[in-house]
Amino acid sequence: MKETASQLRNIVIEYTSLLQQADEKSYLFKVSANKWSKKEILGHLVDSAQNNISRFIVAQYEDVPKIVYNQDSWVAISDYQNYPIGDLITLWRLLNNHAAIILSNTNLEISQRKCDTNGAEMHSIEWLANDYIKHLLHHLHQILELEPVPYR
């Protein structure tokens, strides 16, 4: 888990400055009413961090906790489109640094504990952490218009 935590820390360091350099107007643009803006995608990453932090923690002391979330509702209710971009980037950075600390303190045995995310199967903390990294990179590359990173 220490390697995954280190990878997450490096992502935060590398991408925070890139996110801060992007033009704020580009964050607001929506291709259509039913598609998220880049700002809303970043907000989704904040929500994803919060939900995964809960999974990383609760699965360590509960047997197969069920932790799911409705991403569209979270983004809408949080009103990320009107959130100050600097605050949103800071929140994203801090939550991911927190997740990295949790993962770095998770030993190999504990990392195999399972969590129910309402998918076809339950996943270990280790699997969730690795999936989270892929999900994070996928969306960061969308926001920053970098080479696409496939996810699922």
N, C-alpha and C. Protein backbone atom coordinates (compact mmCIF):
# COMPACT_ATOMS: atom_id res chain seq x y z
N MET A 1 0.83 -1.19 0.00
CA MET A 1 0.00 0.00 0.00
C MET A 1 0.87 1.26 0.00
N LYS A 2 2.08 1.14 0.51
CA LYS A 2 2.96 2.30 0.55
C LYS A 2 3.28 2.79 -0.86
N GLU A 3 3.42 1.86 -1.81
CA GLU A 3 3.69 2.24 -3.20
C GLU A 3 2.49 2.98 -3.80
N THR A 4 1.30 2.51 -3.53
CA THR A 4 0.08 3.17 -4.02
C THR A 4 -0.05 4.55 -3.39
N ALA A 5 0.25 4.65 -2.10
CA ALA A 5 0.20 5.94 -1.41
C ALA A 5 1.21 6.90 -2.02
N SER A 6 2.39 6.41 -2.32
CA SER A 6 3.43 7.24 -2.93
C SER A 6 3.00 7.71 -4.32
N GLN A 7 2.39 6.81 -5.08
CA GLN A 7 1.89 7.17 -6.40
C GLN A 7 0.83 8.27 -6.29
N LEU A 8 -0.05 8.15 -5.32
CA LEU A 8 -1.09 9.16 -5.12
C LEU A 8 -0.46 10.50 -4.74
N ARG A 9 0.52 10.49 -3.84
CA ARG A 9 1.20 11.74 -3.47
C ARG A 9 1.84 12.40 -4.69
N ASN A 10 2.47 11.59 -5.54
CA ASN A 10 3.12 12.13 -6.74
C ASN A 10 2.10 12.72 -7.71
N ILE A 11 0.95 12.09 -7.84
CA ILE A 11 -0.12 12.62 -8.69
C ILE A 11 -0.56 13.98 -8.17
N VAL A 12 -0.74 14.08 -6.86
CA VAL A 12 -1.17 15.35 -6.27
C VAL A 12 -0.13 16.44 -6.56
N ILE A 13 1.13 16.14 -6.35
CA ILE A 13 2.19 17.12 -6.60
C ILE A 13 2.20 17.54 -8.07
N GLU A 14 2.18 16.58 -8.97
CA GLU A 14 2.27 16.86 -10.40
C GLU A 14 1.05 17.61 -10.94
N TYR A 15 -0.12 17.19 -10.55
CA TYR A 15 -1.33 17.73 -11.17
C TYR A 15 -1.88 18.98 -10.50
N THR A 16 -1.54 19.24 -9.25
CA THR A 16 -2.05 20.45 -8.60
C THR A 16 -1.64 21.69 -9.37
N SER A 17 -0.37 21.79 -9.72
CA SER A 17 0.08 22.99 -10.44
C SER A 17 -0.55 23.07 -11.83
N LEU A 18 -0.76 21.94 -12.47
CA LEU A 18 -1.41 21.94 -13.79
C LEU A 18 -2.85 22.41 -13.67
N LEU A 19 -3.54 21.95 -12.64
CA LEU A 19 -4.93 22.39 -12.42
C LEU A 19 -4.99 23.89 -12.14
N GLN A 20 -4.02 24.40 -11.39
CA GLN A 20 -3.99 25.82 -11.05
C GLN A 20 -3.67 26.70 -12.26
N GLN A 21 -2.97 26.16 -13.24
CA GLN A 21 -2.58 26.92 -14.42
C GLN A 21 -3.71 27.05 -15.45
N ALA A 22 -4.66 26.16 -15.40
CA ALA A 22 -5.74 26.15 -16.39
C ALA A 22 -6.59 27.41 -16.26
N ASP A 23 -7.08 27.88 -17.39
CA ASP A 23 -7.93 29.07 -17.44
C ASP A 23 -9.28 28.77 -16.78
N GLU A 24 -9.71 29.65 -15.88
CA GLU A 24 -10.95 29.41 -15.14
C GLU A 24 -12.15 29.29 -16.07
N LYS A 25 -12.17 30.04 -17.17
CA LYS A 25 -13.30 29.95 -18.10
C LYS A 25 -13.42 28.55 -18.70
N SER A 26 -12.28 27.90 -18.92
CA SER A 26 -12.32 26.55 -19.49
C SER A 26 -12.96 25.56 -18.52
N TYR A 27 -12.88 25.84 -17.22
CA TYR A 27 -13.49 24.97 -16.21
C TYR A 27 -15.02 25.05 -16.25
N LEU A 28 -15.56 26.16 -16.71
CA LEU A 28 -17.01 26.40 -16.67
C LEU A 28 -17.77 25.86 -17.87
N PHE A 29 -17.09 25.70 -19.00
CA PHE A 29 -17.75 25.32 -20.25
C PHE A 29 -18.41 23.96 -20.15
N LYS A 30 -19.68 23.90 -20.61
CA LYS A 30 -20.44 22.64 -20.67
C LYS A 30 -20.79 22.36 -22.13
N VAL A 31 -20.43 21.18 -22.59
CA VAL A 31 -20.75 20.78 -23.95
C VAL A 31 -22.26 20.71 -24.14
N SER A 32 -22.96 20.23 -23.11
CA SER A 32 -24.42 20.18 -23.13
C SER A 32 -24.91 20.23 -21.68
N ALA A 33 -26.20 20.45 -21.53
CA ALA A 33 -26.78 20.58 -20.18
C ALA A 33 -26.64 19.31 -19.36
N ASN A 34 -26.59 18.15 -20.02
CA ASN A 34 -26.52 16.88 -19.28
C ASN A 34 -25.09 16.34 -19.15
N LYS A 35 -24.10 17.13 -19.53
CA LYS A 35 -22.69 16.74 -19.37
C LYS A 35 -22.03 17.64 -18.34
N TRP A 36 -21.12 17.09 -17.58
CA TRP A 36 -20.41 17.88 -16.58
C TRP A 36 -19.39 18.80 -17.22
N SER A 37 -19.22 19.97 -16.63
CA SER A 37 -18.12 20.86 -17.00
C SER A 37 -16.85 20.29 -16.37
N LYS A 38 -15.70 20.87 -16.73
CA LYS A 38 -14.44 20.44 -16.11
C LYS A 38 -14.46 20.72 -14.60
N LYS A 39 -15.10 21.78 -14.22
CA LYS A 39 -15.22 22.12 -12.80
C LYS A 39 -16.04 21.04 -12.08
N GLU A 40 -17.10 20.59 -12.71
CA GLU A 40 -17.93 19.54 -12.11
C GLU A 40 -17.19 18.20 -12.09
N ILE A 41 -16.37 17.95 -13.09
CA ILE A 41 -15.55 16.73 -13.08
C ILE A 41 -14.57 16.78 -11.91
N LEU A 42 -13.96 17.95 -11.69
CA LEU A 42 -13.07 18.09 -10.54
C LEU A 42 -13.84 17.90 -9.23
N GLY A 43 -15.04 18.44 -9.18
CA GLY A 43 -15.90 18.22 -8.01
C GLY A 43 -16.20 16.74 -7.83
N HIS A 44 -16.43 16.03 -8.92
CA HIS A 44 -16.65 14.59 -8.87
C HIS A 44 -15.42 13.89 -8.27
N LEU A 45 -14.23 14.39 -8.59
CA LEU A 45 -13.02 13.80 -8.01
C LEU A 45 -12.93 14.08 -6.51
N VAL A 46 -13.44 15.22 -6.07
CA VAL A 46 -13.53 15.51 -4.63
C VAL A 46 -14.47 14.50 -3.98
N ASP A 47 -15.63 14.29 -4.59
CA ASP A 47 -16.60 13.32 -4.06
C ASP A 47 -16.01 11.91 -4.03
N SER A 48 -15.31 11.56 -5.10
CA SER A 48 -14.69 10.24 -5.19
C SER A 48 -13.67 10.07 -4.08
N ALA A 49 -12.88 11.11 -3.83
CA ALA A 49 -11.90 11.05 -2.74
C ALA A 49 -12.60 10.83 -1.41
N GLN A 50 -13.66 11.58 -1.17
CA GLN A 50 -14.38 11.44 0.11
C GLN A 50 -14.94 10.04 0.29
N ASN A 51 -15.55 9.51 -0.76
CA ASN A 51 -16.15 8.18 -0.66
C ASN A 51 -15.09 7.09 -0.52
N ASN A 52 -13.98 7.25 -1.24
CA ASN A 52 -12.93 6.25 -1.13
C ASN A 52 -12.21 6.32 0.21
N ILE A 53 -12.04 7.51 0.75
CA ILE A 53 -11.48 7.63 2.10
C ILE A 53 -12.37 6.86 3.08
N SER A 54 -13.67 7.02 2.96
CA SER A 54 -14.59 6.26 3.82
C SER A 54 -14.39 4.76 3.64
N ARG A 55 -14.26 4.33 2.42
CA ARG A 55 -14.06 2.90 2.15
C ARG A 55 -12.74 2.42 2.76
N PHE A 56 -11.66 3.19 2.53
CA PHE A 56 -10.34 2.80 3.03
C PHE A 56 -10.33 2.68 4.55
N ILE A 57 -11.11 3.51 5.22
CA ILE A 57 -11.13 3.50 6.69
C ILE A 57 -12.12 2.47 7.23
N VAL A 58 -13.37 2.55 6.79
CA VAL A 58 -14.42 1.71 7.38
C VAL A 58 -14.17 0.23 7.11
N ALA A 59 -13.65 -0.11 5.94
CA ALA A 59 -13.37 -1.52 5.65
C ALA A 59 -12.29 -2.10 6.55
N GLN A 60 -11.53 -1.24 7.21
CA GLN A 60 -10.49 -1.74 8.12
C GLN A 60 -11.07 -2.24 9.44
N TYR A 61 -12.27 -1.77 9.81
CA TYR A 61 -12.81 -2.19 11.10
C TYR A 61 -14.22 -2.78 11.03
N GLU A 62 -14.87 -2.71 9.89
CA GLU A 62 -16.17 -3.36 9.72
C GLU A 62 -16.02 -4.48 8.70
N ASP A 63 -16.81 -5.53 8.87
CA ASP A 63 -16.79 -6.61 7.90
C ASP A 63 -17.65 -6.24 6.70
N VAL A 64 -17.00 -6.09 5.57
CA VAL A 64 -17.62 -5.80 4.28
C VAL A 64 -18.68 -4.68 4.37
N PRO A 65 -18.25 -3.48 4.70
CA PRO A 65 -19.21 -2.38 4.74
C PRO A 65 -19.72 -2.07 3.34
N LYS A 66 -20.93 -1.56 3.28
CA LYS A 66 -21.50 -1.15 1.99
C LYS A 66 -21.42 0.37 1.91
N ILE A 67 -20.57 0.86 1.02
CA ILE A 67 -20.38 2.30 0.86
C ILE A 67 -20.52 2.62 -0.62
N VAL A 68 -21.65 3.21 -0.96
CA VAL A 68 -21.96 3.56 -2.34
C VAL A 68 -22.33 5.05 -2.40
N TYR A 69 -22.29 5.59 -3.60
CA TYR A 69 -22.76 6.96 -3.75
C TYR A 69 -23.30 7.20 -5.14
N ASN A 70 -24.24 8.12 -5.24
CA ASN A 70 -24.83 8.51 -6.50
C ASN A 70 -24.07 9.73 -6.99
N GLN A 71 -23.17 9.52 -7.94
CA GLN A 71 -22.26 10.58 -8.36
C GLN A 71 -22.99 11.79 -8.93
N ASP A 72 -24.04 11.60 -9.69
CA ASP A 72 -24.76 12.74 -10.27
C ASP A 72 -25.42 13.59 -9.18
N SER A 73 -26.00 12.93 -8.19
CA SER A 73 -26.63 13.67 -7.08
C SER A 73 -25.59 14.45 -6.29
N TRP A 74 -24.45 13.81 -6.01
CA TRP A 74 -23.41 14.49 -5.24
C TRP A 74 -22.93 15.75 -5.97
N VAL A 75 -22.68 15.63 -7.27
CA VAL A 75 -22.20 16.78 -8.04
C VAL A 75 -23.26 17.88 -8.07
N ALA A 76 -24.51 17.52 -8.30
CA ALA A 76 -25.58 18.52 -8.36
C ALA A 76 -25.79 19.21 -7.02
N ILE A 77 -25.87 18.43 -5.95
CA ILE A 77 -26.14 18.98 -4.63
C ILE A 77 -24.97 19.87 -4.16
N SER A 78 -23.76 19.50 -4.51
CA SER A 78 -22.59 20.29 -4.11
C SER A 78 -22.43 21.57 -4.93
N ASP A 79 -23.13 21.67 -6.06
CA ASP A 79 -23.11 22.87 -6.92
C ASP A 79 -21.68 23.28 -7.28
N TYR A 80 -20.91 22.31 -7.74
CA TYR A 80 -19.51 22.57 -8.08
C TYR A 80 -19.35 23.60 -9.20
N GLN A 81 -20.34 23.74 -10.04
CA GLN A 81 -20.25 24.72 -11.13
C GLN A 81 -20.06 26.13 -10.57
N ASN A 82 -20.55 26.40 -9.38
CA ASN A 82 -20.44 27.73 -8.78
C ASN A 82 -19.44 27.79 -7.63
N TYR A 83 -18.65 26.76 -7.47
CA TYR A 83 -17.66 26.67 -6.39
C TYR A 83 -16.41 27.45 -6.83
N PRO A 84 -15.79 28.21 -5.96
CA PRO A 84 -14.55 28.91 -6.34
C PRO A 84 -13.48 27.89 -6.75
N ILE A 85 -12.90 28.05 -7.92
CA ILE A 85 -11.98 27.06 -8.47
C ILE A 85 -10.75 26.85 -7.59
N GLY A 86 -10.21 27.91 -7.03
CA GLY A 86 -9.04 27.77 -6.16
C GLY A 86 -9.34 26.92 -4.94
N ASP A 87 -10.51 27.13 -4.35
CA ASP A 87 -10.93 26.34 -3.19
C ASP A 87 -11.14 24.88 -3.58
N LEU A 88 -11.72 24.66 -4.76
CA LEU A 88 -11.99 23.30 -5.22
C LEU A 88 -10.68 22.53 -5.44
N ILE A 89 -9.70 23.20 -6.04
CA ILE A 89 -8.39 22.57 -6.25
C ILE A 89 -7.74 22.26 -4.90
N THR A 90 -7.82 23.19 -3.97
CA THR A 90 -7.24 22.97 -2.63
C THR A 90 -7.93 21.81 -1.92
N LEU A 91 -9.25 21.75 -2.00
CA LEU A 91 -10.00 20.66 -1.38
C LEU A 91 -9.59 19.33 -1.99
N TRP A 92 -9.48 19.28 -3.30
CA TRP A 92 -9.05 18.05 -4.00
C TRP A 92 -7.66 17.63 -3.51
N ARG A 93 -6.74 18.59 -3.45
CA ARG A 93 -5.37 18.31 -3.02
C ARG A 93 -5.34 17.77 -1.59
N LEU A 94 -6.02 18.44 -0.68
CA LEU A 94 -6.00 18.04 0.72
C LEU A 94 -6.64 16.66 0.94
N LEU A 95 -7.75 16.39 0.28
CA LEU A 95 -8.40 15.08 0.42
C LEU A 95 -7.51 13.96 -0.10
N ASN A 96 -6.84 14.20 -1.20
CA ASN A 96 -5.97 13.16 -1.76
C ASN A 96 -4.72 12.96 -0.92
N ASN A 97 -4.19 14.03 -0.34
CA ASN A 97 -3.07 13.86 0.59
C ASN A 97 -3.51 13.05 1.81
N HIS A 98 -4.73 13.30 2.27
CA HIS A 98 -5.27 12.53 3.40
C HIS A 98 -5.42 11.05 3.02
N ALA A 99 -5.94 10.79 1.85
CA ALA A 99 -6.09 9.41 1.38
C ALA A 99 -4.73 8.72 1.32
N ALA A 100 -3.71 9.44 0.86
CA ALA A 100 -2.37 8.86 0.77
C ALA A 100 -1.83 8.50 2.16
N ILE A 101 -2.11 9.33 3.15
CA ILE A 101 -1.67 9.02 4.52
C ILE A 101 -2.36 7.74 5.01
N ILE A 102 -3.66 7.65 4.78
CA ILE A 102 -4.41 6.46 5.20
C ILE A 102 -3.83 5.21 4.53
N LEU A 103 -3.61 5.28 3.23
CA LEU A 103 -3.09 4.12 2.50
C LEU A 103 -1.68 3.75 2.96
N SER A 104 -0.86 4.75 3.24
CA SER A 104 0.51 4.45 3.67
C SER A 104 0.53 3.77 5.04
N ASN A 105 -0.53 3.93 5.82
CA ASN A 105 -0.63 3.30 7.13
C ASN A 105 -1.43 2.00 7.12
N THR A 106 -1.82 1.55 5.94
CA THR A 106 -2.61 0.32 5.80
C THR A 106 -1.68 -0.84 5.47
N ASN A 107 -1.60 -1.82 6.36
CA ASN A 107 -0.69 -2.94 6.11
C ASN A 107 -1.29 -3.91 5.09
N LEU A 108 -0.43 -4.82 4.61
CA LEU A 108 -0.83 -5.75 3.55
C LEU A 108 -2.02 -6.61 3.95
N GLU A 109 -2.02 -7.12 5.17
CA GLU A 109 -3.13 -7.97 5.62
C GLU A 109 -4.45 -7.20 5.62
N ILE A 110 -4.44 -6.02 6.19
CA ILE A 110 -5.65 -5.19 6.25
C ILE A 110 -6.10 -4.78 4.85
N SER A 111 -5.15 -4.56 3.95
CA SER A 111 -5.49 -4.11 2.60
C SER A 111 -6.32 -5.13 1.82
N GLN A 112 -6.39 -6.36 2.33
CA GLN A 112 -7.16 -7.40 1.65
C GLN A 112 -8.61 -7.47 2.14
N ARG A 113 -8.95 -6.66 3.14
CA ARG A 113 -10.33 -6.62 3.62
C ARG A 113 -11.22 -6.06 2.52
N LYS A 114 -12.48 -6.48 2.52
CA LYS A 114 -13.40 -6.16 1.42
C LYS A 114 -14.37 -5.04 1.77
N CYS A 115 -14.86 -4.41 0.69
CA CYS A 115 -15.88 -3.37 0.78
C CYS A 115 -16.89 -3.61 -0.34
N ASP A 116 -18.14 -3.41 -0.04
CA ASP A 116 -19.23 -3.54 -1.02
C ASP A 116 -19.54 -2.14 -1.57
N THR A 117 -19.31 -1.97 -2.86
CA THR A 117 -19.59 -0.68 -3.51
C THR A 117 -20.80 -0.77 -4.43
N ASN A 118 -21.58 -1.81 -4.24
CA ASN A 118 -22.79 -2.06 -5.01
C ASN A 118 -22.49 -2.53 -6.44
N GLY A 119 -21.30 -3.06 -6.64
CA GLY A 119 -20.94 -3.61 -7.94
C GLY A 119 -21.26 -5.08 -7.99
N ALA A 120 -20.81 -5.72 -9.05
CA ALA A 120 -21.06 -7.15 -9.22
C ALA A 120 -20.33 -7.98 -8.18
N GLU A 121 -19.20 -7.46 -7.71
CA GLU A 121 -18.44 -8.17 -6.68
C GLU A 121 -17.89 -7.18 -5.66
N MET A 122 -17.49 -7.72 -4.52
CA MET A 122 -16.88 -6.88 -3.49
C MET A 122 -15.39 -6.79 -3.77
N HIS A 123 -14.80 -5.67 -3.37
CA HIS A 123 -13.38 -5.46 -3.67
C HIS A 123 -12.59 -5.18 -2.40
N SER A 124 -11.31 -5.55 -2.46
CA SER A 124 -10.41 -5.29 -1.35
C SER A 124 -10.03 -3.80 -1.32
N ILE A 125 -9.56 -3.36 -0.18
CA ILE A 125 -9.06 -1.99 -0.06
C ILE A 125 -7.95 -1.77 -1.08
N GLU A 126 -7.08 -2.76 -1.23
CA GLU A 126 -5.99 -2.65 -2.20
C GLU A 126 -6.53 -2.44 -3.61
N TRP A 127 -7.52 -3.24 -4.00
CA TRP A 127 -8.11 -3.11 -5.33
C TRP A 127 -8.75 -1.73 -5.49
N LEU A 128 -9.50 -1.31 -4.47
CA LEU A 128 -10.16 0.00 -4.52
C LEU A 128 -9.15 1.13 -4.66
N ALA A 129 -8.03 1.03 -3.96
CA ALA A 129 -7.00 2.07 -4.03
C ALA A 129 -6.39 2.13 -5.43
N ASN A 130 -6.10 0.98 -6.02
CA ASN A 130 -5.53 0.96 -7.37
C ASN A 130 -6.55 1.45 -8.41
N ASP A 131 -7.79 1.07 -8.23
CA ASP A 131 -8.85 1.54 -9.13
C ASP A 131 -9.04 3.05 -9.00
N TYR A 132 -8.94 3.54 -7.77
CA TYR A 132 -9.07 4.97 -7.52
C TYR A 132 -8.00 5.76 -8.29
N ILE A 133 -6.77 5.27 -8.30
CA ILE A 133 -5.67 5.92 -9.02
C ILE A 133 -6.01 5.99 -10.52
N LYS A 134 -6.48 4.90 -11.08
CA LYS A 134 -6.85 4.87 -12.51
C LYS A 134 -7.97 5.86 -12.80
N HIS A 135 -8.98 5.87 -11.94
CA HIS A 135 -10.12 6.77 -12.09
C HIS A 135 -9.65 8.23 -12.02
N LEU A 136 -8.80 8.51 -11.06
CA LEU A 136 -8.26 9.86 -10.87
C LEU A 136 -7.51 10.33 -12.11
N LEU A 137 -6.61 9.51 -12.61
CA LEU A 137 -5.83 9.89 -13.80
C LEU A 137 -6.72 10.05 -15.02
N HIS A 138 -7.71 9.18 -15.16
CA HIS A 138 -8.65 9.29 -16.28
C HIS A 138 -9.29 10.67 -16.31
N HIS A 139 -9.83 11.10 -15.17
CA HIS A 139 -10.53 12.38 -15.13
C HIS A 139 -9.58 13.58 -15.14
N LEU A 140 -8.43 13.47 -14.51
CA LEU A 140 -7.46 14.58 -14.57
C LEU A 140 -7.04 14.85 -16.00
N HIS A 141 -6.86 13.79 -16.76
CA HIS A 141 -6.48 13.96 -18.17
C HIS A 141 -7.64 14.55 -18.98
N GLN A 142 -8.85 14.23 -18.63
CA GLN A 142 -10.02 14.86 -19.27
C GLN A 142 -10.02 16.36 -19.00
N ILE A 143 -9.88 16.72 -17.74
CA ILE A 143 -9.92 18.13 -17.34
C ILE A 143 -8.83 18.93 -18.03
N LEU A 144 -7.63 18.38 -18.06
CA LEU A 144 -6.47 19.10 -18.57
C LEU A 144 -6.24 18.90 -20.06
N GLU A 145 -7.12 18.12 -20.70
CA GLU A 145 -7.02 17.83 -22.13
C GLU A 145 -5.66 17.24 -22.49
N LEU A 146 -5.26 16.25 -21.70
CA LEU A 146 -4.02 15.51 -21.94
C LEU A 146 -4.36 14.20 -22.63
N GLU A 147 -3.33 13.45 -22.98
CA GLU A 147 -3.52 12.13 -23.59
C GLU A 147 -4.52 11.33 -22.75
N PRO A 148 -5.57 10.79 -23.39
CA PRO A 148 -6.60 10.07 -22.60
C PRO A 148 -6.00 8.87 -21.84
N VAL A 149 -6.50 8.67 -20.65
CA VAL A 149 -6.14 7.51 -19.84
C VAL A 149 -7.40 6.65 -19.76
N PRO A 150 -7.36 5.47 -20.37
CA PRO A 150 -8.56 4.63 -20.34
C PRO A 150 -8.93 4.22 -18.92
N TYR A 151 -10.21 4.13 -18.68
CA TYR A 151 -10.71 3.65 -17.40
C TYR A 151 -11.86 2.71 -17.67
N ARG A 152 -11.72 1.49 -17.22
CA ARG A 152 -12.68 0.40 -17.37
C ARG A 152 -12.94 0.11 -18.77
